Amino acid sequence: MNRKISGILMAMLLALSAAGAACAEEAGQPLSIAGQGMFSAGGTVTEPVEGEYDPTTSWLDDTRAGNTAHVGHANVLYQIPEEDNGNPIVYLHGYGQSRMGWMTTPDGRDGWATIFLRNGHSAYLVDQPGRGEAGAQESMTTDGFLDVWSEDSKEYRPGDQAWYTHFRIGRVAPERYEGSQFPEGDEAQDQFFRQMTPNTGNFDQAAIAEAMGEVLAEVMERTGDPSILMTHSQGGAVGWDVPVENLSAIVAIEPGGTPEVGSEAYNRLLEADIPIVIYFGDYIDNGPEDLMSTGFWAGVRDGAEAFAQAYNADGGDCTVVNLPDEGITGNSHFMFQEMNNDVIARHIEDWLGEHGLN
């Protein structure tokens, strides 16, 4: 290697090292928050229980006569940076998750909500109806396949190993796939599993989408800006069904599926000119062939690519990003919590910049 090339390579290495140190330093800096708080949106109020409410006994009256309940709403935690760029991000979690998944990582680093907050995007972190801080439901869950074990819905259905495999972290917990970006060690794995939380009521996609529409309307009223909707997994299915009038874009992280071409959801997104980007991680084309989950995610990814092709042919704007094709490898279904989550966040920020959203 001649001296000129060697010098160029050394300069590049030094620049990369400096950039990495700057990112690490920034991640460790205090956040400058102009405002934060919580609100709930959407939902309904139940009809009063038959009978007359007796204030003298109040909660001791087991009949609850005359009482109502506020149910089916979404709950939102928000943070607004001092240097707000006017492009808020509304975050919607996937199955078994709450907003916590966007806020941190299993090994305690900055989650995407914080990373994008540092970039000037205010964060509106949703717990969907029947999950987390929005647990109040008119009736308790009977979703036996997903959430409950016993017929009377009082025992939580075990699933640590099943979800670990299905989320493409490794074949069997605690092993990780070769080259995995998932944080290593028992403590990180315990923290990941402790994020999982069940639905308190049956999953109702239409009701959740309606509540999300109310969230987006509230963000518009508070900020004057439409929102970027960032969804994950099961939340991605909800994301296609939300009202579009307060949307600026959709960033879907491995959604459980995409709208059928020509469907009501497809046409609504197309007519509103909503730009869409869909991200997929690793271990799909190169995942174990004997696992049903490998074929499942390949089918979802292929369906997303077919959706994008049709959406673009019809005049829309949809990009499907396969991270391995971008040289970003080792990511599971939970790419936003992994060791290179900052790299993927920068990739998303570049896409947002191309669409005037940062």
Protein backbone atom coordinates (compact mmCIF):
# COMPACT_ATOMS: atom_id res chain seq x y z
CA MET A 1 0.00 0.00 0.00
CA ASN A 2 1.53 3.36 -1.00
CA ARG A 3 1.91 6.20 1.46
CA LYS A 4 -0.86 8.36 -0.11
CA ILE A 5 -3.52 5.61 0.14
CA SER A 6 -2.35 4.75 3.63
CA GLY A 7 -2.72 8.38 4.67
CA ILE A 8 -6.21 8.60 3.19
CA LEU A 9 -7.28 5.45 5.02
CA MET A 10 -5.83 6.75 8.28
CA ALA A 11 -7.70 10.05 7.86
CA MET A 12 -10.93 8.16 7.19
CA LEU A 13 -10.42 6.01 10.28
CA LEU A 14 -9.72 9.07 12.43
CA ALA A 15 -12.82 10.81 11.07
CA LEU A 16 -14.97 7.78 11.76
CA SER A 17 -13.51 7.49 15.25
CA ALA A 18 -14.22 11.16 15.94
CA ALA A 19 -17.77 10.83 14.62
CA GLY A 20 -18.34 7.79 16.81
CA ALA A 21 -16.97 9.60 19.86
CA ALA A 22 -19.18 12.60 19.12
CA CYS A 23 -22.26 10.38 18.87
CA ALA A 24 -21.37 8.63 22.11
CA GLU A 25 -20.82 11.99 23.82
CA GLU A 26 -24.13 13.33 22.51
CA ALA A 27 -25.97 10.23 23.70
CA GLY A 28 -24.63 10.83 27.19
CA GLN A 29 -25.59 14.51 27.31
CA PRO A 30 -28.65 15.77 29.24
CA LEU A 31 -31.78 16.27 27.18
CA SER A 32 -33.12 19.80 26.73
CA ILE A 33 -36.87 19.42 27.17
CA ALA A 34 -39.21 22.35 26.64
CA GLY A 35 -42.23 20.44 27.88
CA GLN A 36 -43.51 17.02 28.80
CA GLY A 37 -46.69 15.48 30.10
CA MET A 38 -49.41 12.90 29.50
CA PHE A 39 -52.92 12.81 28.09
CA SER A 40 -55.52 10.28 27.02
CA ALA A 41 -57.56 10.34 23.81
CA GLY A 42 -60.44 8.45 22.28
CA GLY A 43 -62.47 5.73 23.93
CA THR A 44 -66.00 5.71 25.32
CA VAL A 45 -67.96 5.95 28.55
CA THR A 46 -70.06 2.92 29.50
CA GLU A 47 -73.74 3.12 30.31
CA PRO A 48 -74.46 3.36 34.05
CA VAL A 49 -74.91 0.06 35.85
CA GLU A 50 -78.59 -0.52 36.52
CA GLY A 51 -79.78 1.07 39.74
CA GLU A 52 -79.22 4.32 41.59
CA TYR A 53 -75.77 5.32 42.75
CA ASP A 54 -75.48 5.50 46.54
CA PRO A 55 -72.72 7.92 47.60
CA THR A 56 -72.98 6.78 51.22
CA THR A 57 -71.49 3.38 50.33
CA SER A 58 -69.62 4.35 47.11
CA TRP A 59 -66.96 1.73 46.38
CA LEU A 60 -68.22 -0.63 49.08
CA ASP A 61 -71.37 -1.27 47.02
CA ASP A 62 -70.46 -4.46 45.14
CA THR A 63 -73.32 -3.93 42.65
CA ARG A 64 -71.69 -0.67 41.47
CA ALA A 65 -75.18 0.63 40.74
CA GLY A 66 -75.19 3.91 38.82
CA ASN A 67 -71.44 3.77 38.07
CA THR A 68 -69.90 4.36 34.64
CA ALA A 69 -66.41 3.59 33.35
CA HIS A 70 -64.12 5.40 30.89
CA VAL A 71 -62.73 2.66 28.62
CA GLY A 72 -61.08 2.05 25.26
CA HIS A 73 -58.93 5.19 25.19
CA ALA A 74 -55.25 5.50 24.28
CA ASN A 75 -52.75 7.01 26.69
CA VAL A 76 -49.89 9.25 25.52
CA LEU A 77 -46.65 10.33 27.17
CA TYR A 78 -45.08 13.26 25.33
CA GLN A 79 -41.78 15.13 25.35
CA ILE A 80 -41.03 18.27 23.38
CA PRO A 81 -37.40 19.26 22.73
CA GLU A 82 -36.27 22.86 23.08
CA GLU A 83 -35.23 22.85 19.41
CA ASP A 84 -38.43 21.38 17.98
CA ASN A 85 -38.22 20.83 14.22
CA GLY A 86 -42.00 20.83 13.72
CA ASN A 87 -42.21 17.15 12.72
CA PRO A 88 -43.59 15.25 15.72
CA ILE A 89 -43.37 11.47 15.83
CA VAL A 90 -46.24 9.42 17.25
CA TYR A 91 -44.98 5.99 18.32
CA LEU A 92 -47.26 2.93 18.37
CA HIS A 93 -45.92 -0.32 19.85
CA GLY A 94 -46.57 -3.87 18.66
CA TYR A 95 -48.08 -6.96 20.27
CA GLY A 96 -47.10 -7.65 23.86
CA GLN A 97 -45.40 -4.28 24.15
CA SER A 98 -46.02 -0.81 25.50
CA ARG A 99 -44.39 2.57 24.82
CA MET A 100 -41.47 1.41 27.00
CA GLY A 101 -39.96 -0.38 24.00
CA TRP A 102 -39.36 2.92 22.18
CA MET A 103 -37.90 4.63 25.25
CA THR A 104 -34.97 2.41 26.17
CA THR A 105 -33.09 -0.75 25.23
CA PRO A 106 -32.64 -4.00 27.16
CA ASP A 107 -29.11 -2.88 28.06
CA GLY A 108 -30.12 0.64 29.09
CA ARG A 109 -29.03 2.77 26.11
CA ASP A 110 -31.07 5.52 24.45
CA GLY A 111 -34.19 4.26 22.74
CA TRP A 112 -35.45 5.71 19.47
CA ALA A 113 -37.76 8.16 21.20
CA THR A 114 -34.72 9.77 22.80
CA ILE A 115 -32.53 9.54 19.70
CA PHE A 116 -35.13 11.24 17.51
CA LEU A 117 -35.87 13.73 20.28
CA ARG A 118 -32.23 14.81 20.11
CA ASN A 119 -32.80 15.33 16.38
CA GLY A 120 -35.65 17.76 17.09
CA HIS A 121 -38.67 15.46 16.80
CA SER A 122 -41.13 15.79 19.65
CA ALA A 123 -42.17 12.36 20.92
CA TYR A 124 -45.74 11.21 21.50
CA LEU A 125 -45.53 7.70 22.94
CA VAL A 126 -48.77 5.73 22.88
CA ASP A 127 -50.06 2.89 25.00
CA GLN A 128 -52.86 1.56 22.83
CA PRO A 129 -56.31 0.82 24.29
CA GLY A 130 -56.14 -2.25 26.51
CA ARG A 131 -52.41 -2.02 27.09
CA GLY A 132 -50.13 -0.45 29.69
CA GLU A 133 -51.43 2.86 31.05
CA ALA A 134 -54.56 2.49 28.87
CA GLY A 135 -55.71 -0.79 30.40
CA ALA A 136 -59.35 0.10 31.18
CA GLN A 137 -61.66 -2.04 29.05
CA GLU A 138 -65.38 -2.81 29.19
CA SER A 139 -64.68 -6.56 29.32
CA MET A 140 -61.56 -8.56 30.05
CA THR A 141 -59.68 -10.43 27.36
CA THR A 142 -60.68 -13.81 26.02
CA ASP A 143 -57.92 -13.81 23.38
CA GLY A 144 -56.70 -17.26 24.41
CA PHE A 145 -54.16 -17.67 21.61
CA LEU A 146 -52.31 -14.51 22.52
CA ASP A 147 -52.81 -13.49 26.11
CA VAL A 148 -54.53 -15.93 28.42
CA TRP A 149 -54.02 -19.55 29.35
CA SER A 150 -57.15 -20.58 31.25
CA GLU A 151 -60.75 -20.54 30.08
CA ASP A 152 -61.75 -17.95 32.66
CA SER A 153 -58.98 -15.60 31.45
CA LYS A 154 -57.20 -15.29 34.78
CA GLU A 155 -53.84 -16.84 33.96
CA TYR A 156 -51.23 -15.21 31.73
CA ARG A 157 -50.23 -17.39 28.79
CA PRO A 158 -46.49 -18.30 28.86
CA GLY A 159 -44.58 -17.33 25.73
CA ASP A 160 -40.98 -16.23 26.38
CA GLN A 161 -39.38 -18.92 24.22
CA ALA A 162 -42.02 -18.77 21.47
CA TRP A 163 -41.72 -15.02 20.99
CA TYR A 164 -37.91 -15.12 21.16
CA THR A 165 -37.88 -17.51 18.20
CA HIS A 166 -40.61 -15.70 16.29
CA PHE A 167 -38.92 -12.32 16.74
CA ARG A 168 -35.74 -13.78 15.13
CA ILE A 169 -33.40 -13.08 18.02
CA GLY A 170 -32.16 -16.66 18.04
CA ARG A 171 -33.36 -20.17 17.45
CA VAL A 172 -33.90 -20.96 21.14
CA ALA A 173 -33.37 -18.55 24.06
CA PRO A 174 -30.80 -17.59 25.25
CA GLU A 175 -28.77 -18.28 22.09
CA ARG A 176 -28.50 -15.49 19.55
CA TYR A 177 -27.99 -15.82 15.82
CA GLU A 178 -24.45 -15.37 14.54
CA GLY A 179 -23.71 -11.67 14.13
CA SER A 180 -26.75 -10.68 16.17
CA GLN A 181 -27.08 -7.06 17.27
CA PHE A 182 -29.37 -8.01 20.16
CA PRO A 183 -27.78 -7.03 23.49
CA GLU A 184 -25.90 -9.93 25.03
CA GLY A 185 -26.21 -11.34 28.53
CA ASP A 186 -28.78 -12.64 30.97
CA GLU A 187 -29.59 -9.22 32.41
CA ALA A 188 -30.43 -7.70 29.01
CA GLN A 189 -32.53 -10.73 28.11
CA ASP A 190 -34.43 -10.53 31.40
CA GLN A 191 -35.09 -6.83 30.80
CA PHE A 192 -36.40 -7.61 27.32
CA PHE A 193 -38.82 -10.28 28.53
CA ARG A 194 -40.02 -8.02 31.34
CA GLN A 195 -41.19 -5.50 28.75
CA MET A 196 -43.83 -7.94 27.54
CA THR A 197 -47.33 -7.09 28.76
CA PRO A 198 -50.73 -8.58 27.85
CA ASN A 199 -53.89 -7.02 26.53
CA THR A 200 -56.47 -6.41 29.22
CA GLY A 201 -59.26 -6.66 26.64
CA ASN A 202 -59.62 -8.39 23.29
CA PHE A 203 -57.54 -6.89 20.48
CA ASP A 204 -59.84 -4.65 18.39
CA GLN A 205 -57.96 -3.17 15.44
CA ALA A 206 -60.75 -0.82 14.36
CA ALA A 207 -61.21 0.58 17.87
CA ILE A 208 -57.47 1.10 18.30
CA ALA A 209 -57.22 2.83 14.91
CA GLU A 210 -60.09 5.12 15.91
CA ALA A 211 -58.36 6.01 19.18
CA MET A 212 -55.11 6.63 17.29
CA GLY A 213 -57.00 9.04 15.06
CA GLU A 214 -57.98 10.96 18.19
CA VAL A 215 -54.33 10.95 19.32
CA LEU A 216 -53.18 12.37 15.98
CA ALA A 217 -55.90 15.02 16.10
CA GLU A 218 -54.81 16.01 19.61
CA VAL A 219 -51.18 16.30 18.51
CA MET A 220 -52.24 18.49 15.59
CA GLU A 221 -54.26 20.70 17.93
CA ARG A 222 -51.36 21.02 20.38
CA THR A 223 -48.57 21.57 17.84
CA GLY A 224 -50.19 22.76 14.62
CA ASP A 225 -48.24 20.04 12.78
CA PRO A 226 -49.21 16.70 11.25
CA SER A 227 -47.42 13.67 12.67
CA ILE A 228 -45.04 11.06 11.45
CA LEU A 229 -46.58 7.77 12.61
CA MET A 230 -43.96 5.20 13.60
CA THR A 231 -45.38 1.72 14.09
CA HIS A 232 -44.04 -1.71 14.97
CA SER A 233 -45.37 -5.20 14.24
CA GLN A 234 -49.04 -5.54 15.22
CA GLY A 235 -49.14 -1.74 15.56
CA GLY A 236 -48.26 -1.60 11.86
CA ALA A 237 -51.57 -3.24 10.97
CA VAL A 238 -53.35 -0.56 13.01
CA GLY A 239 -51.29 2.15 11.33
CA TRP A 240 -52.74 1.47 7.89
CA ASP A 241 -56.26 2.06 9.24
CA VAL A 242 -55.81 5.35 11.11
CA PRO A 243 -57.46 8.51 9.74
CA VAL A 244 -55.04 10.25 7.38
CA GLU A 245 -55.87 13.94 7.77
CA ASN A 246 -53.27 14.53 10.48
CA LEU A 247 -50.54 12.31 9.04
CA SER A 248 -47.38 13.44 7.27
CA ALA A 249 -45.75 10.00 6.81
CA ILE A 250 -45.70 6.41 8.06
CA VAL A 251 -42.54 4.64 9.19
CA ALA A 252 -43.46 0.98 9.66
CA ILE A 253 -40.97 -1.30 11.42
CA GLU A 254 -41.66 -4.88 10.33
CA PRO A 255 -45.45 -4.49 10.25
CA GLY A 256 -47.43 -7.70 10.52
CA GLY A 257 -48.73 -7.06 7.00
CA THR A 258 -49.58 -4.39 4.45
CA PRO A 259 -52.91 -3.27 2.97
CA GLU A 260 -54.37 -5.25 0.12
CA VAL A 261 -53.87 -3.40 -3.14
CA GLY A 262 -57.08 -1.60 -4.04
CA SER A 263 -58.52 -1.90 -0.53
CA GLU A 264 -60.12 0.97 1.34
CA ALA A 265 -56.97 1.49 3.43
CA TYR A 266 -54.75 1.37 0.32
CA ASN A 267 -56.84 3.95 -1.53
CA ARG A 268 -57.13 6.24 1.50
CA LEU A 269 -53.34 6.37 1.95
CA LEU A 270 -52.78 6.82 -1.78
CA GLU A 271 -55.31 9.63 -2.15
CA ALA A 272 -53.84 11.45 0.84
CA ASP A 273 -50.36 11.16 -0.72
CA ILE A 274 -48.88 9.65 2.45
CA PRO A 275 -45.21 8.68 1.96
CA ILE A 276 -44.37 5.32 3.51
CA VAL A 277 -41.14 3.54 4.42
CA ILE A 278 -41.11 -0.06 5.68
CA TYR A 279 -38.08 -1.60 7.38
CA PHE A 280 -37.10 -5.26 7.69
CA GLY A 281 -34.17 -6.74 9.58
CA ASP A 282 -31.97 -9.78 9.17
CA TYR A 283 -32.45 -13.57 9.40
CA ILE A 284 -35.28 -13.66 6.89
CA ASP A 285 -33.67 -14.82 3.64
CA ASN A 286 -30.87 -16.37 5.71
CA GLY A 287 -32.96 -17.65 8.64
CA PRO A 288 -33.33 -21.34 9.55
CA GLU A 289 -35.51 -22.94 6.90
CA ASP A 290 -37.15 -25.38 9.32
CA LEU A 291 -38.66 -22.61 11.45
CA MET A 292 -42.21 -21.55 10.57
CA SER A 293 -41.33 -18.01 11.62
CA THR A 294 -38.68 -17.70 8.90
CA GLY A 295 -41.27 -18.37 6.23
CA PHE A 296 -43.78 -16.11 7.95
CA TRP A 297 -41.48 -13.07 7.88
CA ALA A 298 -40.37 -13.81 4.32
CA GLY A 299 -44.03 -13.75 3.30
CA VAL A 300 -44.64 -10.48 5.14
CA ARG A 301 -41.58 -8.87 3.55
CA ASP A 302 -42.51 -10.11 0.06
CA GLY A 303 -46.03 -8.81 0.57
CA ALA A 304 -44.66 -5.41 1.56
CA GLU A 305 -42.54 -5.28 -1.58
CA ALA A 306 -45.55 -6.13 -3.75
CA PHE A 307 -47.54 -3.43 -1.94
CA ALA A 308 -44.79 -0.87 -2.55
CA GLN A 309 -44.56 -1.76 -6.23
CA ALA A 310 -48.30 -1.24 -6.70
CA TYR A 311 -48.41 1.88 -4.52
CA ASN A 312 -45.61 3.50 -6.49
CA ALA A 313 -47.10 2.48 -9.84
CA ASP A 314 -50.32 4.18 -8.78
CA GLY A 315 -48.47 7.41 -8.05
CA GLY A 316 -47.65 6.88 -4.37
CA ASP A 317 -44.34 6.92 -2.53
CA CYS A 318 -43.36 3.75 -0.68
CA THR A 319 -39.89 2.40 0.04
CA VAL A 320 -39.10 -1.03 1.49
CA VAL A 321 -35.73 -1.16 3.22
CA ASN A 322 -34.11 -4.55 3.75
CA LEU A 323 -31.35 -3.64 6.17
CA PRO A 324 -28.92 -6.36 5.02
CA ASP A 325 -29.12 -4.87 1.51
CA GLU A 326 -27.93 -1.60 3.08
CA GLY A 327 -24.98 -3.35 4.74
CA ILE A 328 -26.72 -3.23 8.14
CA THR A 329 -26.82 -6.77 9.48
CA GLY A 330 -27.67 -8.72 12.61
CA ASN A 331 -31.04 -7.16 13.37
CA SER A 332 -34.11 -8.93 14.68
CA HIS A 333 -37.77 -7.86 14.80
CA PHE A 334 -36.72 -5.42 17.55
CA MET A 335 -34.14 -3.41 15.59
CA PHE A 336 -34.94 -0.24 17.56
CA GLN A 337 -33.65 -1.85 20.75
CA GLU A 338 -30.46 -3.37 19.40
CA MET A 339 -26.83 -2.35 19.62
CA ASN A 340 -26.89 -0.53 16.27
CA ASN A 341 -30.23 1.20 16.83
CA ASP A 342 -28.51 4.56 16.31
CA VAL A 343 -27.31 3.50 12.85
CA ILE A 344 -30.85 2.53 11.81
CA ALA A 345 -32.24 5.74 13.30
CA ARG A 346 -29.84 7.72 11.10
CA HIS A 347 -31.04 5.77 8.07
CA ILE A 348 -34.63 6.69 8.91
CA GLU A 349 -33.67 10.31 9.54
CA ASP A 350 -32.11 10.43 6.06
CA TRP A 351 -35.40 9.18 4.57
CA LEU A 352 -37.32 11.78 6.56
CA GLY A 353 -34.94 14.46 5.32
CA GLU A 354 -35.54 13.43 1.72
CA HIS A 355 -39.23 14.08 2.37
CA GLY A 356 -38.75 17.42 4.13
CA LEU A 357 -39.61 15.99 7.53
CA ASN A 358 -36.61 16.93 9.68
